[in-house]
PDB file of N, CA and C in Angstrom:
ATOM      1  N   MET A   1     -30.500 127.829 -53.319  1.00  0.00           N
ATOM      2  CA  MET A   1     -30.183 129.216 -53.600  1.00  0.00           C
ATOM      3  C   MET A   1     -31.475 130.024 -53.674  1.00  0.00           C
ATOM      4  N   LYS A   2     -31.385 131.247 -53.210  1.00  0.00           N
ATOM      5  CA  LYS A   2     -32.510 132.174 -53.305  1.00  0.00           C
ATOM      6  C   LYS A   2     -32.015 133.493 -53.878  1.00  0.00           C
ATOM      7  N   LEU A   3     -32.887 134.118 -54.624  1.00  0.00           N
ATOM      8  CA  LEU A   3     -32.605 135.443 -55.160  1.00  0.00           C
ATOM      9  C   LEU A   3     -33.269 136.452 -54.239  1.00  0.00           C
ATOM     10  N   LEU A   4     -32.464 137.311 -53.624  1.00  0.00           N
ATOM     11  CA  LEU A   4     -32.973 138.374 -52.757  1.00  0.00           C
ATOM     12  C   LEU A   4     -33.129 139.631 -53.591  1.00  0.00           C
ATOM     13  N   VAL A   5     -34.289 140.266 -53.482  1.00  0.00           N
ATOM     14  CA  VAL A   5     -34.555 141.525 -54.168  1.00  0.00           C
ATOM     15  C   VAL A   5     -34.949 142.553 -53.109  1.00  0.00           C
ATOM     16  N   ILE A   6     -34.250 143.676 -53.102  1.00  0.00           N
ATOM     17  CA  ILE A   6     -34.562 144.776 -52.188  1.00  0.00           C
ATOM     18  C   ILE A   6     -34.869 146.002 -53.038  1.00  0.00           C
ATOM     19  N   ILE A   7     -36.006 146.638 -52.767  1.00  0.00           N
ATOM     20  CA  ILE A   7     -36.356 147.890 -53.438  1.00  0.00           C
ATOM     21  C   ILE A   7     -36.358 148.969 -52.366  1.00  0.00           C
ATOM     22  N   ILE A   8     -35.513 149.965 -52.562  1.00  0.00           N
ATOM     23  CA  ILE A   8     -35.258 150.957 -51.525  1.00  0.00           C
ATOM     24  C   ILE A   8     -35.073 152.325 -52.167  1.00  0.00           C
ATOM     25  N   ASN A   9     -35.318 153.384 -51.422  1.00  0.00           N
ATOM     26  CA  ASN A   9     -34.980 154.716 -51.928  1.00  0.00           C
ATOM     27  C   ASN A   9     -33.488 154.756 -52.239  1.00  0.00           C
ATOM     28  N   ARG A  10     -33.155 155.383 -53.335  1.00  0.00           N
ATOM     29  CA  ARG A  10     -31.787 155.348 -53.855  1.00  0.00           C
ATOM     30  C   ARG A  10     -30.739 155.789 -52.838  1.00  0.00           C
ATOM     31  N   GLU A  11     -31.085 156.749 -51.987  1.00  0.00           N
ATOM     32  CA  GLU A  11     -30.085 157.251 -51.036  1.00  0.00           C
ATOM     33  C   GLU A  11     -29.670 156.213 -49.995  1.00  0.00           C
ATOM     34  N   PHE A  12     -30.428 155.112 -49.869  1.00  0.00           N
ATOM     35  CA  PHE A  12     -30.096 154.061 -48.911  1.00  0.00           C
ATOM     36  C   PHE A  12     -29.396 152.866 -49.557  1.00  0.00           C
ATOM     37  N   ALA A  13     -29.105 152.923 -50.832  1.00  0.00           N
ATOM     38  CA  ALA A  13     -28.518 151.771 -51.538  1.00  0.00           C
ATOM     39  C   ALA A  13     -27.192 151.343 -50.911  1.00  0.00           C
ATOM     40  N   GLU A  14     -26.329 152.291 -50.627  1.00  0.00           N
ATOM     41  CA  GLU A  14     -25.021 151.939 -50.061  1.00  0.00           C
ATOM     42  C   GLU A  14     -25.169 151.307 -48.678  1.00  0.00           C
ATOM     43  N   LYS A  15     -26.089 151.819 -47.884  1.00  0.00           N
ATOM     44  CA  LYS A  15     -26.333 151.260 -46.546  1.00  0.00           C
ATOM     45  C   LYS A  15     -26.681 149.782 -46.648  1.00  0.00           C
ATOM     46  N   TYR A  16     -27.565 149.430 -47.581  1.00  0.00           N
ATOM     47  CA  TYR A  16     -28.020 148.047 -47.679  1.00  0.00           C
ATOM     48  C   TYR A  16     -27.005 147.137 -48.357  1.00  0.00           C
ATOM     49  N   THR A  17     -26.212 147.656 -49.269  1.00  0.00           N
ATOM     50  CA  THR A  17     -25.139 146.819 -49.821  1.00  0.00           C
ATOM     51  C   THR A  17     -24.100 146.538 -48.739  1.00  0.00           C
ATOM     52  N   ASN A  18     -23.854 147.499 -47.850  1.00  0.00           N
ATOM     53  CA  ASN A  18     -22.932 147.264 -46.737  1.00  0.00           C
ATOM     54  C   ASN A  18     -23.472 146.206 -45.781  1.00  0.00           C
ATOM     55  N   ILE A  19     -24.764 146.230 -45.501  1.00  0.00           N
ATOM     56  CA  ILE A  19     -25.374 145.205 -44.644  1.00  0.00           C
ATOM     57  C   ILE A  19     -25.203 143.834 -45.287  1.00  0.00           C
ATOM     58  N   LEU A  20     -25.479 143.741 -46.574  1.00  0.00           N
ATOM     59  CA  LEU A  20     -25.331 142.461 -47.272  1.00  0.00           C
ATOM     60  C   LEU A  20     -23.876 142.006 -47.294  1.00  0.00           C
ATOM     61  N   ASN A  21     -22.945 142.920 -47.443  1.00  0.00           N
ATOM     62  CA  ASN A  21     -21.524 142.557 -47.456  1.00  0.00           C
ATOM     63  C   ASN A  21     -21.071 141.977 -46.125  1.00  0.00           C
ATOM     64  N   LYS A  22     -21.654 142.442 -45.022  1.00  0.00           N
ATOM     65  CA  LYS A  22     -21.283 141.928 -43.703  1.00  0.00           C
ATOM     66  C   LYS A  22     -21.789 140.508 -43.485  1.00  0.00           C
ATOM     67  N   GLU A  23     -22.941 140.181 -44.044  1.00  0.00           N
ATOM     68  CA  GLU A  23     -23.584 138.904 -43.756  1.00  0.00           C
ATOM     69  C   GLU A  23     -23.445 137.861 -44.858  1.00  0.00           C
ATOM     70  N   SER A  24     -22.906 138.245 -45.971  1.00  0.00           N
ATOM     71  CA  SER A  24     -22.843 137.323 -47.094  1.00  0.00           C
ATOM     72  C   SER A  24     -21.580 137.606 -47.891  1.00  0.00           C
ATOM     73  N   ASP A  25     -20.965 136.541 -48.393  1.00  0.00           N
ATOM     74  CA  ASP A  25     -19.773 136.740 -49.219  1.00  0.00           C
ATOM     75  C   ASP A  25     -20.139 136.892 -50.692  1.00  0.00           C
ATOM     76  N   LYS A  26     -21.402 137.105 -50.953  1.00  0.00           N
ATOM     77  CA  LYS A  26     -21.889 137.265 -52.324  1.00  0.00           C
ATOM     78  C   LYS A  26     -21.779 138.721 -52.759  1.00  0.00           C
ATOM     79  N   PHE A  27     -21.781 138.917 -54.048  1.00  0.00           N
ATOM     80  CA  PHE A  27     -21.810 140.278 -54.564  1.00  0.00           C
ATOM     81  C   PHE A  27     -23.247 140.640 -54.896  1.00  0.00           C
ATOM     82  N   GLN A  28     -23.499 141.918 -55.047  1.00  0.00           N
ATOM     83  CA  GLN A  28     -24.844 142.395 -55.357  1.00  0.00           C
ATOM     84  C   GLN A  28     -24.817 143.203 -56.645  1.00  0.00           C
ATOM     85  N   PHE A  29     -25.955 143.179 -57.301  1.00  0.00           N
ATOM     86  CA  PHE A  29     -26.189 144.088 -58.416  1.00  0.00           C
ATOM     87  C   PHE A  29     -27.095 145.193 -57.897  1.00  0.00           C
ATOM     88  N   VAL A  30     -26.747 146.427 -58.163  1.00  0.00           N
ATOM     89  CA  VAL A  30     -27.594 147.555 -57.789  1.00  0.00           C
ATOM     90  C   VAL A  30     -28.086 148.191 -59.077  1.00  0.00           C
ATOM     91  N   LEU A  31     -29.394 148.156 -59.271  1.00  0.00           N
ATOM     92  CA  LEU A  31     -30.022 148.732 -60.452  1.00  0.00           C
ATOM     93  C   LEU A  31     -30.736 150.007 -60.037  1.00  0.00           C
ATOM     94  N   LEU A  32     -30.592 151.042 -60.822  1.00  0.00           N
ATOM     95  CA  LEU A  32     -31.249 152.306 -60.506  1.00  0.00           C
ATOM     96  C   LEU A  32     -32.602 152.345 -61.193  1.00  0.00           C
ATOM     97  N   GLY A  33     -33.631 152.687 -60.434  1.00  0.00           N
ATOM     98  CA  GLY A  33     -34.985 152.693 -60.975  1.00  0.00           C
ATOM     99  C   GLY A  33     -35.686 154.007 -60.714  1.00  0.00           C
ATOM    100  N   GLN A  34     -36.789 154.166 -61.419  1.00  0.00           N
ATOM    101  CA  GLN A  34     -37.620 155.353 -61.245  1.00  0.00           C
ATOM    102  C   GLN A  34     -39.064 154.919 -61.429  1.00  0.00           C
ATOM    103  N   GLY A  35     -39.926 155.392 -60.561  1.00  0.00           N
ATOM    104  CA  GLY A  35     -41.338 155.038 -60.654  1.00  0.00           C
ATOM    105  C   GLY A  35     -41.978 155.574 -61.921  1.00  0.00           C
ATOM    106  N   THR A  36     -43.076 154.924 -62.326  1.00  0.00           N
ATOM    107  CA  THR A  36     -43.764 155.333 -63.552  1.00  0.00           C
ATOM    108  C   THR A  36     -45.143 155.915 -63.297  1.00  0.00           C
ATOM    109  N   ALA A  37     -45.526 156.015 -62.029  1.00  0.00           N
ATOM    110  CA  ALA A  37     -46.857 156.550 -61.727  1.00  0.00           C
ATOM    111  C   ALA A  37     -46.919 158.035 -62.074  1.00  0.00           C
ATOM    112  N   SER A  38     -48.080 158.454 -62.541  1.00  0.00           N
ATOM    113  CA  SER A  38     -48.259 159.873 -62.879  1.00  0.00           C
ATOM    114  C   SER A  38     -48.305 160.709 -61.603  1.00  0.00           C
ATOM    115  N   SER A  39     -48.064 162.003 -61.749  1.00  0.00           N
ATOM    116  CA  SER A  39     -48.083 162.885 -60.584  1.00  0.00           C
ATOM    117  C   SER A  39     -49.470 162.931 -59.954  1.00  0.00           C
ATOM    118  N   GLU A  40     -50.529 162.760 -60.765  1.00  0.00           N
ATOM    119  CA  GLU A  40     -51.892 162.750 -60.214  1.00  0.00           C
ATOM    120  C   GLU A  40     -52.086 161.568 -59.270  1.00  0.00           C
ATOM    121  N   ILE A  41     -51.589 160.404 -59.653  1.00  0.00           N
ATOM    122  CA  ILE A  41     -51.724 159.215 -58.802  1.00  0.00           C
ATOM    123  C   ILE A  41     -50.892 159.390 -57.537  1.00  0.00           C
ATOM    124  N   LEU A  42     -49.686 159.895 -57.688  1.00  0.00           N
ATOM    125  CA  LEU A  42     -48.837 160.126 -56.518  1.00  0.00           C
ATOM    126  C   LEU A  42     -49.488 161.110 -55.557  1.00  0.00           C
ATOM    127  N   ASP A  43     -50.049 162.192 -56.080  1.00  0.00           N
ATOM    128  CA  ASP A  43     -50.732 163.178 -55.240  1.00  0.00           C
ATOM    129  C   ASP A  43     -51.941 162.563 -54.543  1.00  0.00           C
ATOM    130  N   TYR A  44     -52.705 161.753 -55.264  1.00  0.00           N
ATOM    131  CA  TYR A  44     -53.907 161.132 -54.708  1.00  0.00           C
ATOM    132  C   TYR A  44     -53.563 160.267 -53.496  1.00  0.00           C
ATOM    133  N   PHE A  45     -52.482 159.492 -53.611  1.00  0.00           N
ATOM    134  CA  PHE A  45     -52.090 158.599 -52.521  1.00  0.00           C
ATOM    135  C   PHE A  45     -51.133 159.259 -51.526  1.00  0.00           C
ATOM    136  N   GLY A  46     -50.814 160.525 -51.746  1.00  0.00           N
ATOM    137  CA  GLY A  46     -49.926 161.233 -50.829  1.00  0.00           C
ATOM    138  C   GLY A  46     -48.487 160.757 -50.895  1.00  0.00           C
ATOM    139  N   LEU A  47     -48.062 160.311 -52.055  1.00  0.00           N
ATOM    140  CA  LEU A  47     -46.707 159.800 -52.228  1.00  0.00           C
ATOM    141  C   LEU A  47     -45.838 160.818 -52.938  1.00  0.00           C
ATOM    142  N   ALA A  48     -44.561 160.759 -52.659  1.00  0.00           N
ATOM    143  CA  ALA A  48     -43.598 161.627 -53.349  1.00  0.00           C
ATOM    144  C   ALA A  48     -42.845 160.790 -54.376  1.00  0.00           C
ATOM    145  N   ARG A  49     -42.541 161.411 -55.492  1.00  0.00           N
ATOM    146  CA  ARG A  49     -41.752 160.706 -56.511  1.00  0.00           C
ATOM    147  C   ARG A  49     -40.321 160.599 -55.995  1.00  0.00           C
ATOM    148  N   LYS A  50     -39.823 159.393 -55.957  1.00  0.00           N
ATOM    149  CA  LYS A  50     -38.457 159.170 -55.491  1.00  0.00           C
ATOM    150  C   LYS A  50     -37.769 158.202 -56.424  1.00  0.00           C
ATOM    151  N   ASP A  51     -36.489 158.452 -56.623  1.00  0.00           N
ATOM    152  CA  ASP A  51     -35.684 157.503 -57.369  1.00  0.00           C
ATOM    153  C   ASP A  51     -35.427 156.303 -56.470  1.00  0.00           C
ATOM    154  N   LYS A  52     -35.454 155.127 -57.048  1.00  0.00           N
ATOM    155  CA  LYS A  52     -35.291 153.891 -56.292  1.00  0.00           C
ATOM    156  C   LYS A  52     -34.028 153.162 -56.714  1.00  0.00           C
ATOM    157  N   ALA A  53     -33.569 152.290 -55.846  1.00  0.00           N
ATOM    158  CA  ALA A  53     -32.508 151.344 -56.163  1.00  0.00           C
ATOM    159  C   ALA A  53     -33.090 149.955 -55.965  1.00  0.00           C
ATOM    160  N   VAL A  54     -32.770 149.059 -56.873  1.00  0.00           N
ATOM    161  CA  VAL A  54     -33.163 147.659 -56.760  1.00  0.00           C
ATOM    162  C   VAL A  54     -31.871 146.877 -56.563  1.00  0.00           C
ATOM    163  N   ILE A  55     -31.749 146.233 -55.412  1.00  0.00           N
ATOM    164  CA  ILE A  55     -30.551 145.459 -55.088  1.00  0.00           C
ATOM    165  C   ILE A  55     -30.900 143.990 -55.257  1.00  0.00           C
ATOM    166  N   ILE A  56     -30.083 143.282 -56.009  1.00  0.00           N
ATOM    167  CA  ILE A  56     -30.304 141.861 -56.278  1.00  0.00           C
ATOM    168  C   ILE A  56     -29.079 141.095 -55.793  1.00  0.00           C
ATOM    169  N   CYS A  57     -29.321 140.009 -55.051  1.00  0.00           N
ATOM    170  CA  CYS A  57     -28.226 139.236 -54.467  1.00  0.00           C
ATOM    171  C   CYS A  57     -28.636 137.767 -54.378  1.00  0.00           C
ATOM    172  N   LEU A  58     -27.709 136.869 -54.630  1.00  0.00           N
ATOM    173  CA  LEU A  58     -27.957 135.445 -54.433  1.00  0.00           C
ATOM    174  C   LEU A  58     -27.577 135.070 -53.008  1.00  0.00           C
ATOM    175  N   LEU A  59     -28.443 134.304 -52.350  1.00  0.00           N
ATOM    176  CA  LEU A  59     -28.190 133.844 -50.989  1.00  0.00           C
ATOM    177  C   LEU A  59     -28.354 132.334 -50.924  1.00  0.00           C
ATOM    178  N   THR A  60     -27.638 131.706 -50.007  1.00  0.00           N
ATOM    179  CA  THR A  60     -27.874 130.295 -49.741  1.00  0.00           C
ATOM    180  C   THR A  60     -29.099 130.179 -48.838  1.00  0.00           C
ATOM    181  N   GLU A  61     -29.625 128.974 -48.743  1.00  0.00           N
ATOM    182  CA  GLU A  61     -30.764 128.740 -47.844  1.00  0.00           C
ATOM    183  C   GLU A  61     -30.383 129.108 -46.407  1.00  0.00           C
ATOM    184  N   ALA A  62     -29.154 128.792 -46.004  1.00  0.00           N
ATOM    185  CA  ALA A  62     -28.718 129.049 -44.630  1.00  0.00           C
ATOM    186  C   ALA A  62     -28.584 130.542 -44.337  1.00  0.00           C
ATOM    187  N   GLU A  63     -28.156 131.329 -45.318  1.00  0.00           N
ATOM    188  CA  GLU A  63     -27.969 132.771 -45.113  1.00  0.00           C
ATOM    189  C   GLU A  63     -29.281 133.543 -45.078  1.00  0.00           C
ATOM    190  N   THR A  64     -30.285 133.031 -45.758  1.00  0.00           N
ATOM    191  CA  THR A  64     -31.514 133.788 -45.986  1.00  0.00           C
ATOM    192  C   THR A  64     -32.191 134.280 -44.706  1.00  0.00           C
ATOM    193  N   PRO A  65     -32.452 133.417 -43.700  1.00  0.00           N
ATOM    194  CA  PRO A  65     -33.142 133.925 -42.498  1.00  0.00           C
ATOM    195  C   PRO A  65     -32.368 135.031 -41.778  1.00  0.00           C
ATOM    196  N   THR A  66     -31.055 134.887 -41.677  1.00  0.00           N
ATOM    197  CA  THR A  66     -30.238 135.895 -41.000  1.00  0.00           C
ATOM    198  C   THR A  66     -30.308 137.234 -41.721  1.00  0.00           C
ATOM    199  N   VAL A  67     -30.171 137.198 -43.038  1.00  0.00           N
ATOM    200  CA  VAL A  67     -30.200 138.438 -43.821  1.00  0.00           C
ATOM    201  C   VAL A  67     -31.573 139.095 -43.728  1.00  0.00           C
ATOM    202  N   LEU A  68     -32.640 138.310 -43.840  1.00  0.00           N
ATOM    203  CA  LEU A  68     -33.986 138.884 -43.752  1.00  0.00           C
ATOM    204  C   LEU A  68     -34.255 139.467 -42.367  1.00  0.00           C
ATOM    205  N   ASP A  69     -33.748 138.822 -41.316  1.00  0.00           N
ATOM    206  CA  ASP A  69     -33.895 139.373 -39.961  1.00  0.00           C
ATOM    207  C   ASP A  69     -33.169 140.710 -39.826  1.00  0.00           C
ATOM    208  N   LEU A  70     -31.967 140.789 -40.383  1.00  0.00           N
ATOM    209  CA  LEU A  70     -31.224 142.058 -40.344  1.00  0.00           C
ATOM    210  C   LEU A  70     -31.984 143.162 -41.064  1.00  0.00           C
ATOM    211  N   LEU A  71     -32.522 142.840 -42.226  1.00  0.00           N
ATOM    212  CA  LEU A  71     -33.281 143.838 -42.983  1.00  0.00           C
ATOM    213  C   LEU A  71     -34.520 144.274 -42.214  1.00  0.00           C
ATOM    214  N   ASN A  72     -35.186 143.317 -41.562  1.00  0.00           N
ATOM    215  CA  ASN A  72     -36.399 143.621 -40.802  1.00  0.00           C
ATOM    216  C   ASN A  72     -36.116 144.568 -39.635  1.00  0.00           C
ATOM    217  N   ASN A  73     -34.886 144.576 -39.147  1.00  0.00           N
ATOM    218  CA  ASN A  73     -34.520 145.471 -38.043  1.00  0.00           C
ATOM    219  C   ASN A  73     -34.274 146.909 -38.490  1.00  0.00           C
ATOM    220  N   GLU A  74     -34.213 147.145 -39.781  1.00  0.00           N
ATOM    221  CA  GLU A  74     -33.937 148.490 -40.292  1.00  0.00           C
ATOM    222  C   GLU A  74     -35.227 149.297 -40.376  1.00  0.00           C
ATOM    223  N   LYS A  75     -35.151 150.564 -39.994  1.00  0.00           N
ATOM    224  CA  LYS A  75     -36.346 151.406 -39.893  1.00  0.00           C
ATOM    225  C   LYS A  75     -37.040 151.626 -41.229  1.00  0.00           C
ATOM    226  N   GLU A  76     -36.293 151.599 -42.342  1.00  0.00           N
ATOM    227  CA  GLU A  76     -36.922 151.843 -43.648  1.00  0.00           C
ATOM    228  C   GLU A  76     -37.974 150.792 -43.990  1.00  0.00           C
ATOM    229  N   PHE A  77     -37.850 149.602 -43.423  1.00  0.00           N
ATOM    230  CA  PHE A  77     -38.810 148.537 -43.700  1.00  0.00           C
ATOM    231  C   PHE A  77     -40.095 148.676 -42.889  1.00  0.00           C
ATOM    232  N   HIS A  78     -40.135 149.650 -41.994  1.00  0.00           N
ATOM    233  CA  HIS A  78     -41.320 149.846 -41.157  1.00  0.00           C
ATOM    234  C   HIS A  78     -42.005 151.178 -41.425  1.00  0.00           C
ATOM    235  N   ARG A  79     -41.624 151.833 -42.502  1.00  0.00           N
ATOM    236  CA  ARG A  79     -42.254 153.093 -42.915  1.00  0.00           C
ATOM    237  C   ARG A  79     -43.024 152.855 -44.200  1.00  0.00           C
ATOM    238  N   PRO A  80     -44.210 153.429 -44.317  1.00  0.00           N
ATOM    239  CA  PRO A  80     -44.932 153.311 -45.590  1.00  0.00           C
ATOM    240  C   PRO A  80     -44.090 153.878 -46.728  1.00  0.00           C
ATOM    241  N   GLY A  81     -43.950 153.108 -47.781  1.00  0.00           N
ATOM    242  CA  GLY A  81     -43.165 153.534 -48.934  1.00  0.00           C
ATOM    243  C   GLY A  81     -41.670 153.499 -48.705  1.00  0.00           C
ATOM    244  N   GLY A  82     -41.233 152.910 -47.602  1.00  0.00           N
ATOM    245  CA  GLY A  82     -39.817 152.925 -47.251  1.00  0.00           C
ATOM    246  C   GLY A  82     -38.966 151.911 -47.975  1.00  0.00           C
ATOM    247  N   ALA A  83     -39.287 150.638 -47.833  1.00  0.00           N
ATOM    248  CA  ALA A  83     -38.468 149.591 -48.437  1.00  0.00           C
ATOM    249  C   ALA A  83     -39.271 148.308 -48.549  1.00  0.00           C
ATOM    250  N   VAL A  84     -38.874 147.489 -49.505  1.00  0.00           N
ATOM    251  CA  VAL A  84     -39.490 146.179 -49.709  1.00  0.00           C
ATOM    252  C   VAL A  84     -38.364 145.191 -49.979  1.00  0.00           C
ATOM    253  N   ALA A  85     -38.449 144.010 -49.380  1.00  0.00           N
ATOM    254  CA  ALA A  85     -37.487 142.946 -49.668  1.00  0.00           C
ATOM    255  C   ALA A  85     -38.246 141.634 -49.791  1.00  0.00           C
ATOM    256  N   PHE A  86     -37.816 140.810 -50.724  1.00  0.00           N
ATOM    257  CA  PHE A  86     -38.405 139.481 -50.872  1.00  0.00           C
ATOM    258  C   PHE A  86     -37.381 138.554 -51.492  1.00  0.00           C
ATOM    259  N   THR A  87     -37.615 137.250 -51.334  1.00  0.00           N
ATOM    260  CA  THR A  87     -36.733 136.256 -51.941  1.00  0.00           C
ATOM    261  C   THR A  87     -37.538 135.380 -52.885  1.00  0.00           C
ATOM    262  N   VAL A  88     -36.835 134.855 -53.871  1.00  0.00           N
ATOM    263  CA  VAL A  88     -37.418 133.916 -54.823  1.00  0.00           C
ATOM    264  C   VAL A  88     -36.522 132.689 -54.822  1.00  0.00           C
ATOM    265  N   LYS A  89     -37.101 131.533 -54.575  1.00  0.00           N
ATOM    266  CA  LYS A  89     -36.326 130.298 -54.554  1.00  0.00           C
ATOM    267  C   LYS A  89     -35.936 129.913 -55.979  1.00  0.00           C
ATOM    268  N   LEU A  90     -34.679 129.609 -56.156  1.00  0.00           N
ATOM    269  CA  LEU A  90     -34.170 129.265 -57.479  1.00  0.00           C
ATOM    270  C   LEU A  90     -33.956 127.752 -57.577  1.00  0.00           C
ATOM    271  N   THR A  91     -35.035 127.017 -57.511  1.00  0.00           N
ATOM    272  CA  THR A  91     -34.927 125.558 -57.523  1.00  0.00           C
ATOM    273  C   THR A  91     -34.560 125.000 -58.885  1.00  0.00           C
ATOM    274  N   ASN A  92     -34.899 125.699 -59.923  1.00  0.00           N
ATOM    275  CA  ASN A  92     -34.654 125.183 -61.263  1.00  0.00           C
ATOM    276  C   ASN A  92     -33.568 125.950 -61.999  1.00  0.00           C
ATOM    277  N   ILE A  93     -32.645 126.520 -61.236  1.00  0.00           N
ATOM    278  CA  ILE A  93     -31.603 127.301 -61.896  1.00  0.00           C
ATOM    279  C   ILE A  93     -30.730 126.383 -62.747  1.00  0.00           C
ATOM    280  N   ASN A  94     -30.420 126.832 -63.921  1.00  0.00           N
ATOM    281  CA  ASN A  94     -29.601 126.078 -64.852  1.00  0.00           C
ATOM    282  C   ASN A  94     -28.168 126.044 -64.329  1.00  0.00           C
ATOM    283  N   LYS A  95     -27.557 124.854 -64.329  1.00  0.00           N
ATOM    284  CA  LYS A  95     -26.195 124.714 -63.819  1.00  0.00           C
ATOM    285  C   LYS A  95     -25.224 125.637 -64.547  1.00  0.00           C
ATOM    286  N   HIS A  96     -25.394 125.787 -65.825  1.00  0.00           N
ATOM    287  CA  HIS A  96     -24.504 126.661 -66.591  1.00  0.00           C
ATOM    288  C   HIS A  96     -24.608 128.108 -66.094  1.00  0.00           C
ATOM    289  N   CYS A  97     -25.823 128.570 -65.864  1.00  0.00           N
ATOM    290  CA  CYS A  97     -26.018 129.936 -65.359  1.00  0.00           C
ATOM    291  C   CYS A  97     -25.411 130.082 -63.969  1.00  0.00           C
ATOM    292  N   PHE A  98     -25.605 129.067 -63.137  1.00  0.00           N
ATOM    293  CA  PHE A  98     -25.040 129.108 -61.793  1.00  0.00           C
ATOM    294  C   PHE A  98     -23.516 129.177 -61.858  1.00  0.00           C
ATOM    295  N   ASP A  99     -22.902 128.343 -62.708  1.00  0.00           N
ATOM    296  CA  ASP A  99     -21.443 128.351 -62.847  1.00  0.00           C
ATOM    297  C   ASP A  99     -20.946 129.709 -63.332  1.00  0.00           C
ATOM    298  N   LEU A 100     -21.687 130.328 -64.233  1.00  0.00           N
ATOM    299  CA  LEU A 100     -21.314 131.647 -64.737  1.00  0.00           C
ATOM    300  C   LEU A 100     -21.354 132.688 -63.622  1.00  0.00           C
ATOM    301  N   VAL A 101     -22.438 132.688 -62.860  1.00  0.00           N
ATOM    302  CA  VAL A 101     -22.571 133.639 -61.751  1.00  0.00           C
ATOM    303  C   VAL A 101     -21.475 133.398 -60.715  1.00  0.00           C
ATOM    304  N   LYS A 102     -21.213 132.148 -60.400  1.00  0.00           N
ATOM    305  CA  LYS A 102     -20.171 131.800 -59.428  1.00  0.00           C
ATOM    306  C   LYS A 102     -18.802 132.278 -59.914  1.00  0.00           C
ATOM    307  N   SER A 103     -18.528 132.070 -61.192  1.00  0.00           N
ATOM    308  CA  SER A 103     -17.261 132.500 -61.782  1.00  0.00           C
ATOM    309  C   SER A 103     -17.109 134.021 -61.708  1.00  0.00           C
ATOM    310  N   LEU A 104     -18.171 134.742 -62.057  1.00  0.00           N
ATOM    311  CA  LEU A 104     -18.138 136.204 -61.981  1.00  0.00           C
ATOM    312  C   LEU A 104     -17.933 136.676 -60.545  1.00  0.00           C
ATOM    313  N   SER A 105     -18.592 136.004 -59.617  1.00  0.00           N
ATOM    314  CA  SER A 105     -18.459 136.350 -58.204  1.00  0.00           C
ATOM    315  C   SER A 105     -17.013 136.167 -57.751  1.00  0.00           C
ATOM    316  N   ASN A 106     -16.406 135.046 -58.139  1.00  0.00           N
ATOM    317  CA  ASN A 106     -15.014 134.786 -57.762  1.00  0.00           C
ATOM    318  C   ASN A 106     -14.072 135.820 -58.369  1.00  0.00           C
ATOM    319  N   LYS A 107     -14.310 136.195 -59.627  1.00  0.00           N
ATOM    320  CA  LYS A 107     -13.467 137.200 -60.278  1.00  0.00           C
ATOM    321  C   LYS A 107     -13.580 138.545 -59.573  1.00  0.00           C
ATOM    322  N   LEU A 108     -14.802 138.937 -59.220  1.00  0.00           N
ATOM    323  CA  LEU A 108     -14.990 140.211 -58.524  1.00  0.00           C
ATOM    324  C   LEU A 108     -14.324 140.203 -57.155  1.00  0.00           C
ATOM    325  N   GLU A 109     -14.448 139.088 -56.445  1.00  0.00           N
ATOM    326  CA  GLU A 109     -13.821 138.990 -55.127  1.00  0.00           C
ATOM    327  C   GLU A 109     -12.303 139.070 -55.245  1.00  0.00           C
ATOM    328  N   ASN A 110     -11.745 138.408 -56.261  1.00  0.00           N
ATOM    329  CA  ASN A 110     -10.290 138.445 -56.464  1.00  0.00           C
ATOM    330  C   ASN A 110      -9.816 139.843 -56.837  1.00  0.00           C
ATOM    331  N   ASN A 111     -10.616 140.573 -57.607  1.00  0.00           N
ATOM    332  CA  ASN A 111     -10.252 141.937 -57.992  1.00  0.00           C
ATOM    333  C   ASN A 111     -10.297 142.897 -56.814  1.00  0.00           C
ATOM    334  N   ASN A 112     -11.183 142.617 -55.847  1.00  0.00           N
ATOM    335  CA  ASN A 112     -11.334 143.499 -54.690  1.00  0.00           C
ATOM    336  C   ASN A 112     -10.289 143.247 -53.611  1.00  0.00           C
ATOM    337  N   GLU A 113      -9.544 142.171 -53.723  1.00  0.00           N
ATOM    338  CA  GLU A 113      -8.550 141.841 -52.686  1.00  0.00           C
ATOM    339  C   GLU A 113      -7.260 142.551 -52.884  1.00  0.00           C
TER     340      GLU A 113
END
């Protein structure tokens, strides 16, 4: 299992959850974020303050390359300040936590049907 984390401008959150829904039967958590850099730092680097979304999703080893390739094809990942995605391998995940996440995933899927 791998934990996929995507950091994207908030207005693109729905686009990326839809991409994940097409390629994975997993559910995602979308967290709303806001940068903490001061306006002076943003001005210095020529950046605009933008609200962000952090999308978190569990993927299997087999799903990971396909999902990352799909994300790499999106234009936001090729613009400075556009998007960031990375995975973290969950080799030591506690079985109890995994069972809990799996149970929640099944409940959400059943509710959506």
